Amino acid sequence: METEFAILDDGDTPLCASCGKPMQFVRSIPRLAALPELRTYECKPCGITYTAAVEPDVAADLAWIERSRNCGTA
């Protein structure tokens, strides 16, 4: 089974390198500190597995930090 690694923007679904069809999402590993989230896709007919590092969305991170700061304040 072949495995490839890449960096994707949020929302991208990779295409199979062999048949060109969209790959099926299999699993993700949440990001940890500065490490990106890892998402694994596969094309069962071709037997190809693809793991992508998804860079965090800076705007979403800033919004989460702002909500965390305001949590519990009136």
N, C-alpha and C. Protein backbone atom coordinates (compact mmCIF):
# COMPACT_ATOMS: atom_id res chain seq x y z
N MET A 1 0.84 -1.17 0.00
CA MET A 1 0.00 0.00 0.00
C MET A 1 0.89 1.24 0.00
N GLU A 2 0.61 2.16 -0.90
CA GLU A 2 1.41 3.36 -1.06
C GLU A 2 0.87 4.48 -0.17
N THR A 3 1.75 5.22 0.50
CA THR A 3 1.35 6.34 1.33
C THR A 3 2.08 7.59 0.88
N GLU A 4 1.33 8.70 0.74
CA GLU A 4 1.91 9.98 0.39
C GLU A 4 1.60 10.97 1.50
N PHE A 5 2.43 12.01 1.63
CA PHE A 5 2.21 13.05 2.61
C PHE A 5 2.19 14.40 1.90
N ALA A 6 1.32 15.31 2.36
CA ALA A 6 1.25 16.65 1.78
C ALA A 6 0.64 17.59 2.80
N ILE A 7 0.66 18.88 2.46
CA ILE A 7 0.01 19.89 3.29
C ILE A 7 -1.19 20.42 2.51
N LEU A 8 -2.37 20.38 3.12
CA LEU A 8 -3.59 20.84 2.48
C LEU A 8 -4.15 22.05 3.20
N ASP A 9 -4.91 22.86 2.48
CA ASP A 9 -5.71 23.89 3.11
C ASP A 9 -6.99 23.24 3.58
N ASP A 10 -7.60 23.81 4.61
CA ASP A 10 -8.83 23.25 5.15
C ASP A 10 -9.89 23.13 4.05
N GLY A 11 -10.54 22.00 3.97
CA GLY A 11 -11.62 21.80 3.01
C GLY A 11 -11.20 21.13 1.71
N ASP A 12 -9.91 20.97 1.47
CA ASP A 12 -9.46 20.30 0.26
C ASP A 12 -9.61 18.79 0.39
N THR A 13 -10.10 18.16 -0.67
CA THR A 13 -10.16 16.70 -0.72
C THR A 13 -9.23 16.27 -1.84
N PRO A 14 -8.23 15.47 -1.54
CA PRO A 14 -7.26 15.07 -2.58
C PRO A 14 -7.88 14.13 -3.60
N LEU A 15 -7.30 14.16 -4.77
CA LEU A 15 -7.68 13.25 -5.84
C LEU A 15 -6.67 12.11 -5.88
N CYS A 16 -7.15 10.94 -6.21
CA CYS A 16 -6.27 9.77 -6.31
C CYS A 16 -5.25 9.99 -7.43
N ALA A 17 -3.99 9.72 -7.14
CA ALA A 17 -2.93 9.89 -8.12
C ALA A 17 -3.04 8.86 -9.25
N SER A 18 -3.73 7.75 -8.99
CA SER A 18 -3.84 6.70 -9.98
C SER A 18 -5.05 6.89 -10.90
N CYS A 19 -6.25 7.04 -10.29
CA CYS A 19 -7.48 7.11 -11.11
C CYS A 19 -8.06 8.52 -11.23
N GLY A 20 -7.61 9.46 -10.39
CA GLY A 20 -8.06 10.84 -10.48
C GLY A 20 -9.39 11.14 -9.80
N LYS A 21 -9.99 10.15 -9.15
CA LYS A 21 -11.26 10.37 -8.45
C LYS A 21 -10.99 10.89 -7.03
N PRO A 22 -11.97 11.61 -6.44
CA PRO A 22 -11.79 12.09 -5.07
C PRO A 22 -11.59 10.91 -4.11
N MET A 23 -10.65 11.09 -3.18
CA MET A 23 -10.37 10.04 -2.21
C MET A 23 -11.35 10.12 -1.05
N GLN A 24 -11.52 9.03 -0.34
CA GLN A 24 -12.43 8.91 0.79
C GLN A 24 -11.70 9.27 2.09
N PHE A 25 -12.31 10.16 2.89
CA PHE A 25 -11.74 10.50 4.19
C PHE A 25 -11.81 9.28 5.09
N VAL A 26 -10.71 8.96 5.79
CA VAL A 26 -10.66 7.78 6.65
C VAL A 26 -10.59 8.17 8.12
N ARG A 27 -9.63 9.04 8.48
CA ARG A 27 -9.46 9.42 9.89
C ARG A 27 -8.65 10.69 9.98
N SER A 28 -8.69 11.29 11.18
CA SER A 28 -7.82 12.45 11.43
C SER A 28 -7.20 12.32 12.81
N ILE A 29 -6.06 12.94 12.95
CA ILE A 29 -5.38 13.03 14.23
C ILE A 29 -5.37 14.52 14.56
N PRO A 30 -5.99 14.92 15.68
CA PRO A 30 -6.07 16.35 16.00
C PRO A 30 -4.69 16.97 16.15
N ARG A 31 -4.63 18.27 15.89
CA ARG A 31 -3.35 18.96 16.04
C ARG A 31 -2.97 19.01 17.50
N LEU A 32 -1.69 19.10 17.75
CA LEU A 32 -1.17 19.13 19.10
C LEU A 32 -0.14 20.25 19.17
N ALA A 33 -0.44 21.27 19.94
CA ALA A 33 0.44 22.45 20.08
C ALA A 33 0.76 23.01 18.70
N ALA A 34 2.03 23.02 18.31
CA ALA A 34 2.42 23.60 17.03
C ALA A 34 2.33 22.61 15.87
N LEU A 35 2.05 21.35 16.16
CA LEU A 35 1.95 20.34 15.10
C LEU A 35 0.60 20.43 14.41
N PRO A 36 0.56 20.27 13.09
CA PRO A 36 -0.72 20.38 12.36
C PRO A 36 -1.59 19.13 12.54
N GLU A 37 -2.86 19.29 12.22
CA GLU A 37 -3.79 18.15 12.18
C GLU A 37 -3.38 17.26 11.01
N LEU A 38 -3.48 15.95 11.19
CA LEU A 38 -3.19 15.00 10.11
C LEU A 38 -4.49 14.33 9.68
N ARG A 39 -4.75 14.32 8.39
CA ARG A 39 -5.94 13.66 7.84
C ARG A 39 -5.51 12.57 6.87
N THR A 40 -6.15 11.43 6.98
CA THR A 40 -5.82 10.31 6.10
C THR A 40 -6.99 10.03 5.17
N TYR A 41 -6.68 9.88 3.89
CA TYR A 41 -7.66 9.58 2.85
C TYR A 41 -7.20 8.31 2.15
N GLU A 42 -8.15 7.61 1.51
CA GLU A 42 -7.75 6.43 0.75
C GLU A 42 -8.63 6.24 -0.47
N CYS A 43 -8.07 5.58 -1.45
CA CYS A 43 -8.80 5.15 -2.64
C CYS A 43 -8.77 3.63 -2.58
N LYS A 44 -9.88 3.04 -2.15
CA LYS A 44 -9.92 1.59 -1.97
C LYS A 44 -9.70 0.83 -3.28
N PRO A 45 -10.32 1.27 -4.40
CA PRO A 45 -10.10 0.50 -5.63
C PRO A 45 -8.62 0.46 -6.06
N CYS A 46 -7.89 1.55 -5.83
CA CYS A 46 -6.49 1.60 -6.25
C CYS A 46 -5.53 1.15 -5.15
N GLY A 47 -6.01 1.10 -3.89
CA GLY A 47 -5.15 0.70 -2.79
C GLY A 47 -4.15 1.77 -2.37
N ILE A 48 -4.49 3.06 -2.63
CA ILE A 48 -3.59 4.15 -2.29
C ILE A 48 -4.09 4.88 -1.05
N THR A 49 -3.17 5.16 -0.12
CA THR A 49 -3.47 5.91 1.09
C THR A 49 -2.70 7.22 1.03
N TYR A 50 -3.35 8.30 1.47
CA TYR A 50 -2.77 9.64 1.40
C TYR A 50 -2.96 10.33 2.74
N THR A 51 -1.88 10.79 3.37
CA THR A 51 -1.96 11.50 4.65
C THR A 51 -1.53 12.94 4.42
N ALA A 52 -2.37 13.88 4.87
CA ALA A 52 -2.11 15.30 4.66
C ALA A 52 -2.06 16.04 5.98
N ALA A 53 -1.11 16.95 6.09
CA ALA A 53 -1.03 17.84 7.24
C ALA A 53 -1.87 19.07 6.91
N VAL A 54 -2.83 19.39 7.76
CA VAL A 54 -3.71 20.53 7.53
C VAL A 54 -3.27 21.67 8.43
N GLU A 55 -2.80 22.73 7.80
CA GLU A 55 -2.34 23.89 8.56
C GLU A 55 -3.53 24.56 9.23
N PRO A 56 -3.37 25.00 10.47
CA PRO A 56 -4.47 25.64 11.17
C PRO A 56 -4.87 26.96 10.54
N ASP A 57 -6.14 27.29 10.67
CA ASP A 57 -6.68 28.54 10.17
C ASP A 57 -6.39 29.62 11.21
N VAL A 58 -5.57 30.59 10.88
CA VAL A 58 -5.16 31.62 11.83
C VAL A 58 -6.36 32.39 12.35
N ALA A 59 -7.32 32.73 11.49
CA ALA A 59 -8.50 33.48 11.92
C ALA A 59 -9.31 32.68 12.94
N ALA A 60 -9.45 31.38 12.71
CA ALA A 60 -10.19 30.52 13.65
C ALA A 60 -9.45 30.43 14.98
N ASP A 61 -8.13 30.35 14.93
CA ASP A 61 -7.34 30.31 16.16
C ASP A 61 -7.50 31.59 16.96
N LEU A 62 -7.46 32.73 16.28
CA LEU A 62 -7.62 34.01 16.98
C LEU A 62 -9.01 34.13 17.59
N ALA A 63 -10.03 33.66 16.88
CA ALA A 63 -11.40 33.69 17.41
C ALA A 63 -11.51 32.80 18.64
N TRP A 64 -10.87 31.64 18.61
CA TRP A 64 -10.91 30.73 19.76
C TRP A 64 -10.22 31.37 20.96
N ILE A 65 -9.08 32.02 20.73
CA ILE A 65 -8.36 32.68 21.82
C ILE A 65 -9.22 33.79 22.40
N GLU A 66 -9.87 34.57 21.54
CA GLU A 66 -10.71 35.67 22.02
C GLU A 66 -11.89 35.13 22.84
N ARG A 67 -12.52 34.05 22.39
CA ARG A 67 -13.62 33.44 23.15
C ARG A 67 -13.13 32.93 24.48
N SER A 68 -11.94 32.34 24.50
CA SER A 68 -11.37 31.83 25.74
C SER A 68 -11.11 32.95 26.74
N ARG A 69 -10.64 34.07 26.25
CA ARG A 69 -10.38 35.22 27.13
C ARG A 69 -11.68 35.78 27.71
N ASN A 70 -12.73 35.77 26.91
CA ASN A 70 -14.01 36.35 27.34
C ASN A 70 -14.88 35.37 28.10
N CYS A 71 -14.48 34.13 28.17
CA CYS A 71 -15.27 33.10 28.85
C CYS A 71 -15.45 33.46 30.33
N GLY A 72 -16.71 33.52 30.75
CA GLY A 72 -16.99 33.77 32.15
C GLY A 72 -17.09 35.23 32.52
N THR A 73 -16.92 36.13 31.53
CA THR A 73 -17.07 37.54 31.84
C THR A 73 -18.43 38.03 31.40
N ALA A 74 -18.97 39.00 32.13
CA ALA A 74 -20.31 39.50 31.81
C ALA A 74 -20.26 40.70 30.92
